[in-house]
Structures are given as C-alpha cells and as structure tokens.
Amino acid sequence: MNLTPREKDKLLISVAAMVARRRLERGVKLNYPEAIALISDFVLEGARDGHSVEDLMSRGARVVFLDQVMEGVAEMIHDVQVEATFPDGTKLVTVHNPIGPRLGAQPAPQGER
C-alpha cells in the first residue's frame, strides 16, 4: 500500500484516536497527544461526512471534557487546527478552547481541579 505523507498523518491520527477511545472506555484519563488525536479525528471524519466548518468548530469543542484528561492537559490546549478535506475542497478548521466542563457540570471549588 502506497500512502502519501498526508494519508499517513491521517492514519496515525485515526489510530491514536482509537487508542484514546479505548482508554476512555476503561476510565483512563487522556494525555495531551490522545486528546489532540480524538478532537482531530472528530474533525477529519466530520468533514468527510459533509459537516460544515462552523459545525465542526462548535461541536469539536464538545468531544473531550475536563474530567477526561490528565491534570494540566486542558490548560495546554488553547486551539486545535486541522486541515480537513470537505466535499468542496480542503479547509483549515480551528477548534477554540476545545476542552471544557460538561454542560451542566458544577464548577470546582476554589483550589480544587
């Protein structure tokens, strides 16, 4: 199988995202590369499925939550940028503040996190 460098990158992201999903299923918190891979894979697959850039930017910020990552990971990730292939061409998708609390989650008391 002959893959282009771009196809190899997508495959690596996909495999890393699979590992991240399995770890989440076992209750293991994600590290930095796993969180990035899961968000990136969501964007790549969403683009392939025909979702809009705006939709992926919004929904991409609800893929990984604070309680699913190791301490300090959320603070390291301010934006995730993914070059994704849409039906009308390749576009850069930026997910801002991609890791946050779950909707309806109570904020942690001061000093706890």
PDB file of N, CA and C in Angstrom:
ATOM      1  N   MET A   1       0.856  -1.166   0.000  1.00  0.00           N
ATOM      2  CA  MET A   1       0.000   0.000   0.000  1.00  0.00           C
ATOM      3  C   MET A   1       0.905   1.232   0.000  1.00  0.00           C
ATOM      4  N   ASN A   2       0.689   2.093  -0.962  1.00  0.00           N
ATOM      5  CA  ASN A   2       1.445   3.340  -1.057  1.00  0.00           C
ATOM      6  C   ASN A   2       0.587   4.491  -0.563  1.00  0.00           C
ATOM      7  N   LEU A   3       1.015   5.090   0.538  1.00  0.00           N
ATOM      8  CA  LEU A   3       0.283   6.211   1.115  1.00  0.00           C
ATOM      9  C   LEU A   3       1.104   7.484   0.988  1.00  0.00           C
ATOM     10  N   THR A   4       0.409   8.587   0.741  1.00  0.00           N
ATOM     11  CA  THR A   4       1.075   9.884   0.719  1.00  0.00           C
ATOM     12  C   THR A   4       1.383  10.289   2.164  1.00  0.00           C
ATOM     13  N   PRO A   5       2.284  11.234   2.371  1.00  0.00           N
ATOM     14  CA  PRO A   5       2.542  11.702   3.736  1.00  0.00           C
ATOM     15  C   PRO A   5       1.264  12.184   4.436  1.00  0.00           C
ATOM     16  N   ARG A   6       0.393  12.853   3.710  1.00  0.00           N
ATOM     17  CA  ARG A   6      -0.877  13.327   4.291  1.00  0.00           C
ATOM     18  C   ARG A   6      -1.756  12.154   4.722  1.00  0.00           C
ATOM     19  N   GLU A   7      -1.818  11.116   3.898  1.00  0.00           N
ATOM     20  CA  GLU A   7      -2.610   9.929   4.245  1.00  0.00           C
ATOM     21  C   GLU A   7      -2.016   9.208   5.454  1.00  0.00           C
ATOM     22  N   LYS A   8      -0.694   9.188   5.554  1.00  0.00           N
ATOM     23  CA  LYS A   8      -0.038   8.582   6.718  1.00  0.00           C
ATOM     24  C   LYS A   8      -0.373   9.367   7.985  1.00  0.00           C
ATOM     25  N   ASP A   9      -0.378  10.694   7.883  1.00  0.00           N
ATOM     26  CA  ASP A   9      -0.735  11.532   9.033  1.00  0.00           C
ATOM     27  C   ASP A   9      -2.164  11.247   9.489  1.00  0.00           C
ATOM     28  N   LYS A  10      -3.089  11.161   8.533  1.00  0.00           N
ATOM     29  CA  LYS A  10      -4.491  10.884   8.875  1.00  0.00           C
ATOM     30  C   LYS A  10      -4.633   9.513   9.531  1.00  0.00           C
ATOM     31  N   LEU A  11      -3.900   8.536   9.018  1.00  0.00           N
ATOM     32  CA  LEU A  11      -3.947   7.188   9.580  1.00  0.00           C
ATOM     33  C   LEU A  11      -3.401   7.179  11.003  1.00  0.00           C
ATOM     34  N   LEU A  12      -2.315   7.890  11.239  1.00  0.00           N
ATOM     35  CA  LEU A  12      -1.734   7.978  12.577  1.00  0.00           C
ATOM     36  C   LEU A  12      -2.714   8.635  13.550  1.00  0.00           C
ATOM     37  N   ILE A  13      -3.371   9.695  13.118  1.00  0.00           N
ATOM     38  CA  ILE A  13      -4.379  10.358  13.956  1.00  0.00           C
ATOM     39  C   ILE A  13      -5.515   9.398  14.270  1.00  0.00           C
ATOM     40  N   SER A  14      -5.964   8.673  13.263  1.00  0.00           N
ATOM     41  CA  SER A  14      -7.067   7.727  13.438  1.00  0.00           C
ATOM     42  C   SER A  14      -6.714   6.638  14.450  1.00  0.00           C
ATOM     43  N   VAL A  15      -5.517   6.082  14.348  1.00  0.00           N
ATOM     44  CA  VAL A  15      -5.088   5.032  15.278  1.00  0.00           C
ATOM     45  C   VAL A  15      -4.943   5.598  16.688  1.00  0.00           C
ATOM     46  N   ALA A  16      -4.350   6.777  16.813  1.00  0.00           N
ATOM     47  CA  ALA A  16      -4.204   7.402  18.133  1.00  0.00           C
ATOM     48  C   ALA A  16      -5.570   7.689  18.749  1.00  0.00           C
ATOM     49  N   ALA A  17      -6.537   8.090  17.925  1.00  0.00           N
ATOM     50  CA  ALA A  17      -7.896   8.344  18.419  1.00  0.00           C
ATOM     51  C   ALA A  17      -8.548   7.045  18.887  1.00  0.00           C
ATOM     52  N   MET A  18      -8.292   5.944  18.187  1.00  0.00           N
ATOM     53  CA  MET A  18      -8.834   4.645  18.619  1.00  0.00           C
ATOM     54  C   MET A  18      -8.275   4.256  19.983  1.00  0.00           C
ATOM     55  N   VAL A  19      -6.979   4.463  20.172  1.00  0.00           N
ATOM     56  CA  VAL A  19      -6.353   4.179  21.466  1.00  0.00           C
ATOM     57  C   VAL A  19      -6.993   5.053  22.544  1.00  0.00           C
ATOM     58  N   ALA A  20      -7.187   6.332  22.244  1.00  0.00           N
ATOM     59  CA  ALA A  20      -7.793   7.262  23.207  1.00  0.00           C
ATOM     60  C   ALA A  20      -9.204   6.817  23.582  1.00  0.00           C
ATOM     61  N   ARG A  21      -9.999   6.398  22.602  1.00  0.00           N
ATOM     62  CA  ARG A  21     -11.366   5.935  22.892  1.00  0.00           C
ATOM     63  C   ARG A  21     -11.353   4.713  23.809  1.00  0.00           C
ATOM     64  N   ARG A  22     -10.443   3.783  23.539  1.00  0.00           N
ATOM     65  CA  ARG A  22     -10.356   2.578  24.381  1.00  0.00           C
ATOM     66  C   ARG A  22      -9.961   2.954  25.806  1.00  0.00           C
ATOM     67  N   ARG A  23      -9.063   3.903  25.935  1.00  0.00           N
ATOM     68  CA  ARG A  23      -8.646   4.323  27.279  1.00  0.00           C
ATOM     69  C   ARG A  23      -9.798   4.992  28.021  1.00  0.00           C
ATOM     70  N   LEU A  24     -10.554   5.825  27.319  1.00  0.00           N
ATOM     71  CA  LEU A  24     -11.716   6.460  27.953  1.00  0.00           C
ATOM     72  C   LEU A  24     -12.729   5.412  28.398  1.00  0.00           C
ATOM     73  N   GLU A  25     -12.943   4.385  27.575  1.00  0.00           N
ATOM     74  CA  GLU A  25     -13.877   3.312  27.935  1.00  0.00           C
ATOM     75  C   GLU A  25     -13.447   2.610  29.218  1.00  0.00           C
ATOM     76  N   ARG A  26     -12.122   2.527  29.447  1.00  0.00           N
ATOM     77  CA  ARG A  26     -11.596   1.893  30.658  1.00  0.00           C
ATOM     78  C   ARG A  26     -11.515   2.871  31.827  1.00  0.00           C
ATOM     79  N   GLY A  27     -11.865   4.123  31.589  1.00  0.00           N
ATOM     80  CA  GLY A  27     -11.816   5.121  32.651  1.00  0.00           C
ATOM     81  C   GLY A  27     -10.450   5.760  32.838  1.00  0.00           C
ATOM     82  N   VAL A  28      -9.555   5.585  31.865  1.00  0.00           N
ATOM     83  CA  VAL A  28      -8.216   6.170  31.935  1.00  0.00           C
ATOM     84  C   VAL A  28      -8.261   7.583  31.350  1.00  0.00           C
ATOM     85  N   LYS A  29      -7.680   8.530  32.064  1.00  0.00           N
ATOM     86  CA  LYS A  29      -7.666   9.917  31.578  1.00  0.00           C
ATOM     87  C   LYS A  29      -6.662  10.075  30.440  1.00  0.00           C
ATOM     88  N   LEU A  30      -7.007  10.955  29.508  1.00  0.00           N
ATOM     89  CA  LEU A  30      -6.188  11.158  28.319  1.00  0.00           C
ATOM     90  C   LEU A  30      -5.028  12.106  28.576  1.00  0.00           C
ATOM     91  N   ASN A  31      -3.917  11.847  27.886  1.00  0.00           N
ATOM     92  CA  ASN A  31      -2.794  12.777  27.913  1.00  0.00           C
ATOM     93  C   ASN A  31      -2.936  13.743  26.735  1.00  0.00           C
ATOM     94  N   TYR A  32      -1.971  14.638  26.586  1.00  0.00           N
ATOM     95  CA  TYR A  32      -2.032  15.671  25.548  1.00  0.00           C
ATOM     96  C   TYR A  32      -2.197  15.093  24.135  1.00  0.00           C
ATOM     97  N   PRO A  33      -1.321  14.182  23.683  1.00  0.00           N
ATOM     98  CA  PRO A  33      -1.467  13.684  22.305  1.00  0.00           C
ATOM     99  C   PRO A  33      -2.776  12.936  22.067  1.00  0.00           C
ATOM    100  N   GLU A  34      -3.246  12.217  23.070  1.00  0.00           N
ATOM    101  CA  GLU A  34      -4.505  11.475  22.915  1.00  0.00           C
ATOM    102  C   GLU A  34      -5.690  12.424  22.777  1.00  0.00           C
ATOM    103  N   ALA A  35      -5.705  13.482  23.567  1.00  0.00           N
ATOM    104  CA  ALA A  35      -6.794  14.462  23.475  1.00  0.00           C
ATOM    105  C   ALA A  35      -6.781  15.154  22.112  1.00  0.00           C
ATOM    106  N   ILE A  36      -5.597  15.547  21.655  1.00  0.00           N
ATOM    107  CA  ILE A  36      -5.465  16.182  20.337  1.00  0.00           C
ATOM    108  C   ILE A  36      -5.934  15.227  19.244  1.00  0.00           C
ATOM    109  N   ALA A  37      -5.528  13.968  19.329  1.00  0.00           N
ATOM    110  CA  ALA A  37      -5.906  12.977  18.314  1.00  0.00           C
ATOM    111  C   ALA A  37      -7.413  12.782  18.261  1.00  0.00           C
ATOM    112  N   LEU A  38      -8.063  12.714  19.409  1.00  0.00           N
ATOM    113  CA  LEU A  38      -9.509  12.491  19.449  1.00  0.00           C
ATOM    114  C   LEU A  38     -10.264  13.663  18.824  1.00  0.00           C
ATOM    115  N   ILE A  39      -9.860  14.868  19.136  1.00  0.00           N
ATOM    116  CA  ILE A  39     -10.503  16.060  18.566  1.00  0.00           C
ATOM    117  C   ILE A  39     -10.221  16.148  17.066  1.00  0.00           C
ATOM    118  N   SER A  40      -8.977  15.905  16.684  1.00  0.00           N
ATOM    119  CA  SER A  40      -8.597  15.965  15.265  1.00  0.00           C
ATOM    120  C   SER A  40      -9.347  14.928  14.444  1.00  0.00           C
ATOM    121  N   ASP A  41      -9.458  13.721  14.969  1.00  0.00           N
ATOM    122  CA  ASP A  41     -10.176  12.657  14.264  1.00  0.00           C
ATOM    123  C   ASP A  41     -11.647  13.018  14.092  1.00  0.00           C
ATOM    124  N   PHE A  42     -12.234  13.626  15.114  1.00  0.00           N
ATOM    125  CA  PHE A  42     -13.630  14.061  15.028  1.00  0.00           C
ATOM    126  C   PHE A  42     -13.809  15.046  13.874  1.00  0.00           C
ATOM    127  N   VAL A  43     -12.890  15.991  13.759  1.00  0.00           N
ATOM    128  CA  VAL A  43     -12.967  16.994  12.692  1.00  0.00           C
ATOM    129  C   VAL A  43     -12.762  16.344  11.323  1.00  0.00           C
ATOM    130  N   LEU A  44     -11.746  15.498  11.194  1.00  0.00           N
ATOM    131  CA  LEU A  44     -11.469  14.846   9.911  1.00  0.00           C
ATOM    132  C   LEU A  44     -12.650  14.000   9.441  1.00  0.00           C
ATOM    133  N   GLU A  45     -13.210  13.220  10.345  1.00  0.00           N
ATOM    134  CA  GLU A  45     -14.339  12.360   9.978  1.00  0.00           C
ATOM    135  C   GLU A  45     -15.600  13.183   9.715  1.00  0.00           C
ATOM    136  N   GLY A  46     -15.800  14.245  10.489  1.00  0.00           N
ATOM    137  CA  GLY A  46     -16.952  15.119  10.272  1.00  0.00           C
ATOM    138  C   GLY A  46     -16.902  15.801   8.918  1.00  0.00           C
ATOM    139  N   ALA A  47     -15.708  16.225   8.516  1.00  0.00           N
ATOM    140  CA  ALA A  47     -15.544  16.840   7.192  1.00  0.00           C
ATOM    141  C   ALA A  47     -15.855  15.820   6.109  1.00  0.00           C
ATOM    142  N   ARG A  48     -15.369  14.625   6.304  1.00  0.00           N
ATOM    143  CA  ARG A  48     -15.611  13.549   5.333  1.00  0.00           C
ATOM    144  C   ARG A  48     -17.105  13.252   5.211  1.00  0.00           C
ATOM    145  N   ASP A  49     -17.834  13.385   6.333  1.00  0.00           N
ATOM    146  CA  ASP A  49     -19.283  13.140   6.351  1.00  0.00           C
ATOM    147  C   ASP A  49     -20.088  14.308   5.800  1.00  0.00           C
ATOM    148  N   GLY A  50     -19.424  15.440   5.511  1.00  0.00           N
ATOM    149  CA  GLY A  50     -20.113  16.568   4.906  1.00  0.00           C
ATOM    150  C   GLY A  50     -20.574  17.652   5.856  1.00  0.00           C
ATOM    151  N   HIS A  51     -20.134  17.614   7.119  1.00  0.00           N
ATOM    152  CA  HIS A  51     -20.493  18.679   8.065  1.00  0.00           C
ATOM    153  C   HIS A  51     -19.768  19.967   7.684  1.00  0.00           C
ATOM    154  N   SER A  52     -20.323  21.095   8.079  1.00  0.00           N
ATOM    155  CA  SER A  52     -19.729  22.389   7.746  1.00  0.00           C
ATOM    156  C   SER A  52     -18.565  22.716   8.684  1.00  0.00           C
ATOM    157  N   VAL A  53     -17.726  23.650   8.255  1.00  0.00           N
ATOM    158  CA  VAL A  53     -16.617  24.113   9.087  1.00  0.00           C
ATOM    159  C   VAL A  53     -17.156  24.659  10.406  1.00  0.00           C
ATOM    160  N   GLU A  54     -18.192  25.487  10.331  1.00  0.00           N
ATOM    161  CA  GLU A  54     -18.772  26.099  11.535  1.00  0.00           C
ATOM    162  C   GLU A  54     -19.285  25.036  12.503  1.00  0.00           C
ATOM    163  N   ASP A  55     -19.956  24.021  11.966  1.00  0.00           N
ATOM    164  CA  ASP A  55     -20.486  22.938  12.795  1.00  0.00           C
ATOM    165  C   ASP A  55     -19.346  22.206  13.503  1.00  0.00           C
ATOM    166  N   LEU A  56     -18.288  21.905  12.778  1.00  0.00           N
ATOM    167  CA  LEU A  56     -17.165  21.177  13.365  1.00  0.00           C
ATOM    168  C   LEU A  56     -16.411  22.020  14.382  1.00  0.00           C
ATOM    169  N   MET A  57     -16.316  23.329  14.133  1.00  0.00           N
ATOM    170  CA  MET A  57     -15.671  24.214  15.106  1.00  0.00           C
ATOM    171  C   MET A  57     -16.447  24.209  16.421  1.00  0.00           C
ATOM    172  N   SER A  58     -17.756  24.237  16.325  1.00  0.00           N
ATOM    173  CA  SER A  58     -18.609  24.253  17.511  1.00  0.00           C
ATOM    174  C   SER A  58     -18.633  22.891  18.208  1.00  0.00           C
ATOM    175  N   ARG A  59     -18.929  21.857  17.453  1.00  0.00           N
ATOM    176  CA  ARG A  59     -19.061  20.516  18.035  1.00  0.00           C
ATOM    177  C   ARG A  59     -17.722  19.926  18.462  1.00  0.00           C
ATOM    178  N   GLY A  60     -16.643  20.379  17.818  1.00  0.00           N
ATOM    179  CA  GLY A  60     -15.315  19.889  18.181  1.00  0.00           C
ATOM    180  C   GLY A  60     -14.916  20.262  19.597  1.00  0.00           C
ATOM    181  N   ALA A  61     -15.530  21.309  20.122  1.00  0.00           N
ATOM    182  CA  ALA A  61     -15.245  21.742  21.496  1.00  0.00           C
ATOM    183  C   ALA A  61     -16.029  20.934  22.522  1.00  0.00           C
ATOM    184  N   ARG A  62     -16.790  19.941  22.074  1.00  0.00           N
ATOM    185  CA  ARG A  62     -17.558  19.094  22.993  1.00  0.00           C
ATOM    186  C   ARG A  62     -17.233  17.613  22.788  1.00  0.00           C
ATOM    187  N   VAL A  63     -16.010  17.356  22.366  1.00  0.00           N
ATOM    188  CA  VAL A  63     -15.573  15.975  22.150  1.00  0.00           C
ATOM    189  C   VAL A  63     -14.870  15.434  23.390  1.00  0.00           C
ATOM    190  N   VAL A  64     -14.030  16.258  23.994  1.00  0.00           N
ATOM    191  CA  VAL A  64     -13.258  15.871  25.174  1.00  0.00           C
ATOM    192  C   VAL A  64     -13.569  16.870  26.288  1.00  0.00           C
ATOM    193  N   PHE A  65     -13.792  16.343  27.496  1.00  0.00           N
ATOM    194  CA  PHE A  65     -14.154  17.191  28.632  1.00  0.00           C
ATOM    195  C   PHE A  65     -13.060  17.175  29.703  1.00  0.00           C
ATOM    196  N   LEU A  66     -13.102  18.178  30.571  1.00  0.00           N
ATOM    197  CA  LEU A  66     -12.099  18.331  31.630  1.00  0.00           C
ATOM    198  C   LEU A  66     -11.900  17.064  32.455  1.00  0.00           C
ATOM    199  N   ASP A  67     -12.990  16.388  32.771  1.00  0.00           N
ATOM    200  CA  ASP A  67     -12.884  15.198  33.617  1.00  0.00           C
ATOM    201  C   ASP A  67     -12.320  13.985  32.876  1.00  0.00           C
ATOM    202  N   GLN A  68     -12.026  14.135  31.584  1.00  0.00           N
ATOM    203  CA  GLN A  68     -11.495  13.025  30.793  1.00  0.00           C
ATOM    204  C   GLN A  68     -10.000  13.160  30.506  1.00  0.00           C
ATOM    205  N   VAL A  69      -9.381  14.250  30.955  1.00  0.00           N
ATOM    206  CA  VAL A  69      -7.959  14.466  30.668  1.00  0.00           C
ATOM    207  C   VAL A  69      -7.151  14.569  31.956  1.00  0.00           C
ATOM    208  N   MET A  70      -5.867  14.256  31.836  1.00  0.00           N
ATOM    209  CA  MET A  70      -4.959  14.384  32.972  1.00  0.00           C
ATOM    210  C   MET A  70      -4.854  15.846  33.392  1.00  0.00           C
ATOM    211  N   GLU A  71      -4.464  16.040  34.629  1.00  0.00           N
ATOM    212  CA  GLU A  71      -4.315  17.392  35.155  1.00  0.00           C
ATOM    213  C   GLU A  71      -3.336  18.193  34.294  1.00  0.00           C
ATOM    214  N   GLY A  72      -3.729  19.406  33.944  1.00  0.00           N
ATOM    215  CA  GLY A  72      -2.876  20.308  33.189  1.00  0.00           C
ATOM    216  C   GLY A  72      -3.024  20.225  31.677  1.00  0.00           C
ATOM    217  N   VAL A  73      -3.644  19.164  31.178  1.00  0.00           N
ATOM    218  CA  VAL A  73      -3.768  18.991  29.726  1.00  0.00           C
ATOM    219  C   VAL A  73      -4.655  20.075  29.120  1.00  0.00           C
ATOM    220  N   ALA A  74      -5.790  20.349  29.724  1.00  0.00           N
ATOM    221  CA  ALA A  74      -6.722  21.344  29.169  1.00  0.00           C
ATOM    222  C   ALA A  74      -6.065  22.718  29.059  1.00  0.00           C
ATOM    223  N   GLU A  75      -5.235  23.061  30.027  1.00  0.00           N
ATOM    224  CA  GLU A  75      -4.572  24.365  30.015  1.00  0.00           C
ATOM    225  C   GLU A  75      -3.517  24.463  28.904  1.00  0.00           C
ATOM    226  N   MET A  76      -3.030  23.325  28.438  1.00  0.00           N
ATOM    227  CA  MET A  76      -2.012  23.328  27.372  1.00  0.00           C
ATOM    228  C   MET A  76      -2.623  23.456  25.984  1.00  0.00           C
ATOM    229  N   ILE A  77      -3.912  23.173  25.857  1.00  0.00           N
ATOM    230  CA  ILE A  77      -4.540  23.150  24.534  1.00  0.00           C
ATOM    231  C   ILE A  77      -5.505  24.324  24.408  1.00  0.00           C
ATOM    232  N   HIS A  78      -5.076  25.364  23.715  1.00  0.00           N
ATOM    233  CA  HIS A  78      -5.915  26.541  23.505  1.00  0.00           C
ATOM    234  C   HIS A  78      -6.704  26.436  22.207  1.00  0.00           C
ATOM    235  N   ASP A  79      -6.081  25.897  21.186  1.00  0.00           N
ATOM    236  CA  ASP A  79      -6.707  25.718  19.872  1.00  0.00           C
ATOM    237  C   ASP A  79      -6.217  24.411  19.273  1.00  0.00           C
ATOM    238  N   VAL A  80      -7.077  23.783  18.494  1.00  0.00           N
ATOM    239  CA  VAL A  80      -6.677  22.628  17.690  1.00  0.00           C
ATOM    240  C   VAL A  80      -6.989  22.986  16.245  1.00  0.00           C
ATOM    241  N   GLN A  81      -5.971  22.951  15.401  1.00  0.00           N
ATOM    242  CA  GLN A  81      -6.165  23.264  13.982  1.00  0.00           C
ATOM    243  C   GLN A  81      -5.970  21.997  13.161  1.00  0.00           C
ATOM    244  N   VAL A  82      -6.943  21.740  12.292  1.00  0.00           N
ATOM    245  CA  VAL A  82      -6.922  20.538  11.465  1.00  0.00           C
ATOM    246  C   VAL A  82      -7.217  20.929  10.026  1.00  0.00           C
ATOM    247  N   GLU A  83      -6.376  20.488   9.106  1.00  0.00           N
ATOM    248  CA  GLU A  83      -6.636  20.686   7.687  1.00  0.00           C
ATOM    249  C   GLU A  83      -7.461  19.487   7.226  1.00  0.00           C
ATOM    250  N   ALA A  84      -8.734  19.729   6.948  1.00  0.00           N
ATOM    251  CA  ALA A  84      -9.663  18.644   6.637  1.00  0.00           C
ATOM    252  C   ALA A  84     -10.180  18.760   5.212  1.00  0.00           C
ATOM    253  N   THR A  85     -10.486  17.614   4.627  1.00  0.00           N
ATOM    254  CA  THR A  85     -10.991  17.572   3.258  1.00  0.00           C
ATOM    255  C   THR A  85     -12.511  17.513   3.272  1.00  0.00           C
ATOM    256  N   PHE A  86     -13.127  18.549   2.722  1.00  0.00           N
ATOM    257  CA  PHE A  86     -14.577  18.661   2.608  1.00  0.00           C
ATOM    258  C   PHE A  86     -14.979  18.331   1.173  1.00  0.00           C
ATOM    259  N   PRO A  87     -16.273  18.121   0.921  1.00  0.00           N
ATOM    260  CA  PRO A  87     -16.709  17.841  -0.452  1.00  0.00           C
ATOM    261  C   PRO A  87     -16.281  18.919  -1.453  1.00  0.00           C
ATOM    262  N   ASP A  88     -16.138  20.169  -0.982  1.00  0.00           N
ATOM    263  CA  ASP A  88     -15.759  21.256  -1.893  1.00  0.00           C
ATOM    264  C   ASP A  88     -14.292  21.673  -1.760  1.00  0.00           C
ATOM    265  N   GLY A  89     -13.483  20.852  -1.119  1.00  0.00           N
ATOM    266  CA  GLY A  89     -12.058  21.141  -1.032  1.00  0.00           C
ATOM    267  C   GLY A  89     -11.509  21.052   0.384  1.00  0.00           C
ATOM    268  N   THR A  90     -10.235  21.359   0.515  1.00  0.00           N
ATOM    269  CA  THR A  90      -9.549  21.300   1.805  1.00  0.00           C
ATOM    270  C   THR A  90      -9.665  22.647   2.514  1.00  0.00           C
ATOM    271  N   LYS A  91      -9.981  22.582   3.814  1.00  0.00           N
ATOM    272  CA  LYS A  91     -10.131  23.808   4.614  1.00  0.00           C
ATOM    273  C   LYS A  91      -9.486  23.608   5.980  1.00  0.00           C
ATOM    274  N   LEU A  92      -9.036  24.708   6.556  1.00  0.00           N
ATOM    275  CA  LEU A  92      -8.473  24.679   7.895  1.00  0.00           C
ATOM    276  C   LEU A  92      -9.594  24.904   8.905  1.00  0.00           C
ATOM    277  N   VAL A  93      -9.735  23.969   9.825  1.00  0.00           N
ATOM    278  CA  VAL A  93     -10.750  24.062  10.875  1.00  0.00           C
ATOM    279  C   VAL A  93     -10.024  24.327  12.188  1.00  0.00           C
ATOM    280  N   THR A  94     -10.418  25.383  12.886  1.00  0.00           N
ATOM    281  CA  THR A  94      -9.834  25.700  14.185  1.00  0.00           C
ATOM    282  C   THR A  94     -10.890  25.519  15.263  1.00  0.00           C
ATOM    283  N   VAL A  95     -10.583  24.659  16.222  1.00  0.00           N
ATOM    284  CA  VAL A  95     -11.465  24.452  17.375  1.00  0.00           C
ATOM    285  C   VAL A  95     -10.846  25.232  18.528  1.00  0.00           C
ATOM    286  N   HIS A  96     -11.538  26.275  18.970  1.00  0.00           N
ATOM    287  CA  HIS A  96     -11.051  27.124  20.056  1.00  0.00           C
ATOM    288  C   HIS A  96     -11.474  26.547  21.399  1.00  0.00           C
ATOM    289  N   ASN A  97     -10.586  26.629  22.383  1.00  0.00           N
ATOM    290  CA  ASN A  97     -10.865  26.138  23.738  1.00  0.00           C
ATOM    291  C   ASN A  97     -11.559  24.779  23.682  1.00  0.00           C
ATOM    292  N   PRO A  98     -10.876  23.773  23.152  1.00  0.00           N
ATOM    293  CA  PRO A  98     -11.537  22.506  22.864  1.00  0.00           C
ATOM    294  C   PRO A  98     -11.853  21.622  24.062  1.00  0.00           C
ATOM    295  N   ILE A  99     -11.283  21.911  25.218  1.00  0.00           N
ATOM    296  CA  ILE A  99     -11.549  21.055  26.376  1.00  0.00           C
ATOM    297  C   ILE A  99     -12.140  21.903  27.488  1.00  0.00           C
ATOM    298  N   GLY A 100     -13.356  21.601  27.856  1.00  0.00           N
ATOM    299  CA  GLY A 100     -14.032  22.353  28.902  1.00  0.00           C
ATOM    300  C   GLY A 100     -14.898  21.442  29.743  1.00  0.00           C
ATOM    301  N   PRO A 101     -15.649  22.031  30.657  1.00  0.00           N
ATOM    302  CA  PRO A 101     -16.529  21.220  31.504  1.00  0.00           C
ATOM    303  C   PRO A 101     -17.719  20.701  30.708  1.00  0.00           C
ATOM    304  N   ARG A 102     -18.291  19.631  31.193  1.00  0.00           N
ATOM    305  CA  ARG A 102     -19.515  19.108  30.589  1.00  0.00           C
ATOM    306  C   ARG A 102     -20.638  20.109  30.823  1.00  0.00           C
ATOM    307  N   LEU A 103     -21.589  20.156  29.918  1.00  0.00           N
ATOM    308  CA  LEU A 103     -22.737  21.044  30.095  1.00  0.00           C
ATOM    309  C   LEU A 103     -23.465  20.658  31.373  1.00  0.00           C
ATOM    310  N   GLY A 104     -23.765  21.640  32.187  1.00  0.00           N
ATOM    311  CA  GLY A 104     -24.469  21.386  33.438  1.00  0.00           C
ATOM    312  C   GLY A 104     -23.560  20.978  34.578  1.00  0.00           C
ATOM    313  N   ALA A 105     -22.253  20.862  34.319  1.00  0.00           N
ATOM    314  CA  ALA A 105     -21.318  20.474  35.376  1.00  0.00           C
ATOM    315  C   ALA A 105     -21.116  21.644  36.330  1.00  0.00           C
ATOM    316  N   GLN A 106     -20.989  21.325  37.594  1.00  0.00           N
ATOM    317  CA  GLN A 106     -20.748  22.347  38.608  1.00  0.00           C
ATOM    318  C   GLN A 106     -19.269  22.723  38.590  1.00  0.00           C
ATOM    319  N   PRO A 107     -18.948  24.011  38.683  1.00  0.00           N
ATOM    320  CA  PRO A 107     -17.536  24.400  38.723  1.00  0.00           C
ATOM    321  C   PRO A 107     -16.865  23.846  39.978  1.00  0.00           C
ATOM    322  N   ALA A 108     -15.578  23.519  39.859  1.00  0.00           N
ATOM    323  CA  ALA A 108     -14.828  23.001  41.001  1.00  0.00           C
ATOM    324  C   ALA A 108     -14.626  24.113  42.020  1.00  0.00           C
ATOM    325  N   PRO A 109     -14.696  23.778  43.312  1.00  0.00           N
ATOM    326  CA  PRO A 109     -14.430  24.783  44.340  1.00  0.00           C
ATOM    327  C   PRO A 109     -13.025  25.346  44.173  1.00  0.00           C
ATOM    328  N   GLN A 110     -12.820  26.582  44.648  1.00  0.00           N
ATOM    329  CA  GLN A 110     -11.521  27.243  44.523  1.00  0.00           C
ATOM    330  C   GLN A 110     -10.430  26.350  45.104  1.00  0.00           C
ATOM    331  N   GLY A 111      -9.344  26.181  44.356  1.00  0.00           N
ATOM    332  CA  GLY A 111      -8.230  25.370  44.837  1.00  0.00           C
ATOM    333  C   GLY A 111      -8.323  23.908  44.444  1.00  0.00           C
ATOM    334  N   GLU A 112      -9.465  23.455  43.941  1.00  0.00           N
ATOM    335  CA  GLU A 112      -9.628  22.060  43.510  1.00  0.00           C
ATOM    336  C   GLU A 112      -9.748  22.008  42.011  1.00  0.00           C
ATOM    337  N   ARG A 113      -9.259  20.936  41.428  1.00  0.00           N
ATOM    338  CA  ARG A 113      -9.419  20.738  39.997  1.00  0.00           C
ATOM    339  C   ARG A 113      -8.999  19.380  39.599  1.00  0.00           C
TER     340      ARG A 113
END
